[in-house]
Protein backbone atom coordinates (compact mmCIF):
# COMPACT_ATOMS: atom_id res chain seq x y z
CA MET A 1 18.63 -11.40 -73.48
CA ARG A 2 20.33 -8.50 -71.68
CA THR A 3 23.84 -8.61 -70.26
CA GLN A 4 25.12 -6.73 -67.24
CA SER A 5 27.28 -3.73 -67.85
CA ALA A 6 30.92 -3.96 -66.80
CA SER A 7 30.38 -1.62 -63.84
CA LYS A 8 27.53 -3.74 -62.43
CA SER A 9 29.39 -7.02 -62.79
CA LYS A 10 32.36 -5.91 -60.67
CA LYS A 11 32.36 -7.35 -57.18
CA LYS A 12 32.67 -5.09 -54.17
CA GLU A 13 36.27 -4.89 -52.97
CA VAL A 14 36.70 -6.57 -49.59
CA LYS A 15 39.62 -5.79 -47.32
CA THR A 16 41.82 -8.70 -46.31
CA ASP A 17 42.78 -9.60 -42.75
CA ILE A 18 46.31 -8.32 -43.37
CA GLU A 19 44.98 -4.87 -44.26
CA THR A 20 42.81 -4.96 -41.15
CA LEU A 21 45.75 -6.05 -38.99
CA GLU A 22 47.83 -3.26 -40.52
CA LYS A 23 45.10 -0.80 -39.50
CA ALA A 24 45.30 -2.15 -35.93
CA ARG A 25 49.08 -1.73 -35.98
CA LEU A 26 48.75 1.81 -37.36
CA ILE A 27 46.41 2.63 -34.47
CA SER A 28 48.94 1.10 -32.05
CA ARG A 29 51.83 3.13 -33.47
CA ALA A 30 49.78 6.33 -33.30
CA ALA A 31 48.87 5.57 -29.67
CA LEU A 32 52.51 4.86 -28.85
CA ASP A 33 53.54 8.17 -30.44
CA LYS A 34 51.27 9.89 -27.91
CA LYS A 35 52.75 7.95 -24.98
CA ALA A 36 50.03 5.29 -24.59
CA GLU A 37 50.91 2.47 -22.22
CA ASP A 38 50.25 -1.29 -22.20
CA ILE A 39 49.15 -1.49 -25.82
CA VAL A 40 47.63 -4.81 -26.86
CA ILE A 41 46.06 -5.89 -30.15
CA MET A 42 43.36 -8.49 -29.61
CA ASP A 43 42.31 -10.75 -32.49
CA MET A 44 38.53 -10.88 -32.04
CA ARG A 45 37.65 -12.83 -35.20
CA ALA A 46 37.15 -16.19 -33.50
CA VAL A 47 35.49 -14.91 -30.31
CA SER A 48 33.15 -12.11 -31.40
CA ASN A 49 31.53 -10.55 -34.41
CA ILE A 50 31.83 -7.01 -33.00
CA ALA A 51 35.08 -6.33 -34.88
CA ASP A 52 38.09 -8.17 -36.26
CA TYR A 53 40.52 -6.50 -33.84
CA PHE A 54 40.50 -4.48 -30.65
CA VAL A 55 43.40 -2.20 -29.82
CA VAL A 56 43.48 -1.55 -26.08
CA CYS A 57 45.76 0.94 -24.39
CA SER A 58 45.84 3.21 -21.38
CA ALA A 59 47.15 6.52 -20.09
CA SER A 60 47.74 8.03 -16.68
CA SER A 61 45.60 11.16 -17.18
CA SER A 62 42.45 12.31 -18.93
CA LYS A 63 44.43 14.84 -20.97
CA ARG A 64 46.67 12.06 -22.25
CA VAL A 65 43.64 9.88 -23.07
CA GLN A 66 42.31 12.77 -25.17
CA ALA A 67 45.69 13.33 -26.83
CA ILE A 68 46.00 9.63 -27.70
CA SER A 69 42.51 9.50 -29.19
CA GLU A 70 43.19 12.64 -31.26
CA GLY A 71 46.56 11.24 -32.35
CA ILE A 72 44.93 8.02 -33.54
CA GLU A 73 42.25 9.94 -35.41
CA ASP A 74 44.84 12.21 -37.08
CA ALA A 75 47.11 9.31 -38.06
CA LEU A 76 44.31 7.36 -39.69
CA LEU A 77 42.83 10.42 -41.40
CA GLY A 78 46.31 10.95 -42.83
CA LYS A 79 45.91 7.54 -44.50
CA GLY A 80 42.39 8.36 -45.70
CA ILE A 81 40.64 6.31 -42.98
CA ASP A 82 37.85 7.97 -41.01
CA TYR A 83 36.14 6.50 -37.97
CA TRP A 84 32.52 5.34 -37.98
CA HIS A 85 31.77 6.37 -34.41
CA ILE A 86 33.52 7.78 -31.37
CA GLU A 87 32.42 7.83 -27.74
CA GLY A 88 33.77 9.14 -24.45
CA ARG A 89 36.15 11.84 -25.64
CA ARG A 90 34.64 14.57 -23.46
CA GLU A 91 34.96 12.59 -20.22
CA ALA A 92 38.24 10.99 -21.38
CA LEU A 93 38.04 8.00 -19.05
CA TRP A 94 37.34 5.46 -21.80
CA VAL A 95 37.41 6.64 -25.39
CA LEU A 96 36.16 4.17 -27.96
CA ILE A 97 36.92 4.81 -31.63
CA ASP A 98 35.09 2.48 -34.01
CA TYR A 99 36.73 1.96 -37.39
CA GLY A 100 34.35 -0.88 -38.30
CA ASP A 101 36.79 -3.77 -38.48
CA VAL A 102 39.04 -2.37 -35.73
CA ILE A 103 37.94 -0.73 -32.49
CA ALA A 104 40.39 1.32 -30.44
CA HIS A 105 39.83 1.48 -26.68
CA ILE A 106 41.82 4.20 -24.90
CA PHE A 107 41.42 3.93 -21.13
CA HIS A 108 42.42 6.01 -18.17
CA GLU A 109 44.59 3.49 -16.29
CA ASN A 110 42.19 3.31 -13.31
CA VAL A 111 39.22 2.58 -15.56
CA ARG A 112 41.04 -0.05 -17.63
CA GLY A 113 41.52 -2.27 -14.60
CA PHE A 114 37.83 -2.08 -13.74
CA TYR A 115 36.59 -3.16 -17.19
CA ASN A 116 39.54 -5.50 -17.88
CA LEU A 117 38.76 -6.27 -21.52
CA GLU A 118 41.74 -8.61 -21.74
CA ARG A 119 40.17 -10.88 -19.10
CA LEU A 120 36.64 -10.49 -20.48
CA TRP A 121 37.88 -11.59 -23.92
CA GLN A 122 40.61 -13.89 -22.60
CA ASP A 123 40.17 -16.38 -25.46
CA ALA A 124 41.20 -13.78 -28.04
CA PRO A 125 44.80 -14.12 -29.24
CA LYS A 126 46.84 -11.10 -28.21
CA GLU A 127 49.77 -9.22 -29.68
CA TYR A 128 51.54 -6.92 -27.25
CA PHE A 129 52.72 -3.76 -28.93
CA VAL A 130 55.89 -2.31 -27.42
CA ALA A 131 58.21 0.51 -28.35
CA PRO A 132 61.54 -0.35 -29.92
CA CYS A 133 64.35 -0.29 -27.39
CA GLU A 134 65.97 3.01 -26.73
CA SER A 135 69.73 3.31 -27.00
CA ASN A 136 71.80 1.21 -24.66
CA ARG A 137 72.80 3.73 -22.06
CA SER A 138 75.20 2.82 -19.35
CA LYS A 139 73.71 2.99 -15.89
CA LYS A 140 75.17 5.53 -13.51
CA LYS A 141 76.30 4.16 -10.18
């Protein structure tokens, strides 16, 4: 009777939901650093098997859409995470970056309203990602 070697008996390491949610939040922070607007994290686990989370954000220009997508890519590469697939960067109207369990959608603001992923996947729980408040400045009269 043969026994399995120790290396064969080890189970494949599976990422937990918290690690996946942290990846979505890392994407959101990177997008915010590049001035993305209206950032929302959508929990897709109960409504689709496409991915665990979508991160959806927008920008007012194609150049900013490109900068946000590059900023996300750089931030995740800095943590040793590479994307599986990327689409739309050249046109920069809707850039999709697929990280397997998390998909980032960076829209030009005019295109985001047309596709309206938040309405399409309205049953998905959402977490709105906002910047921390700036300093309390007194308003000039």
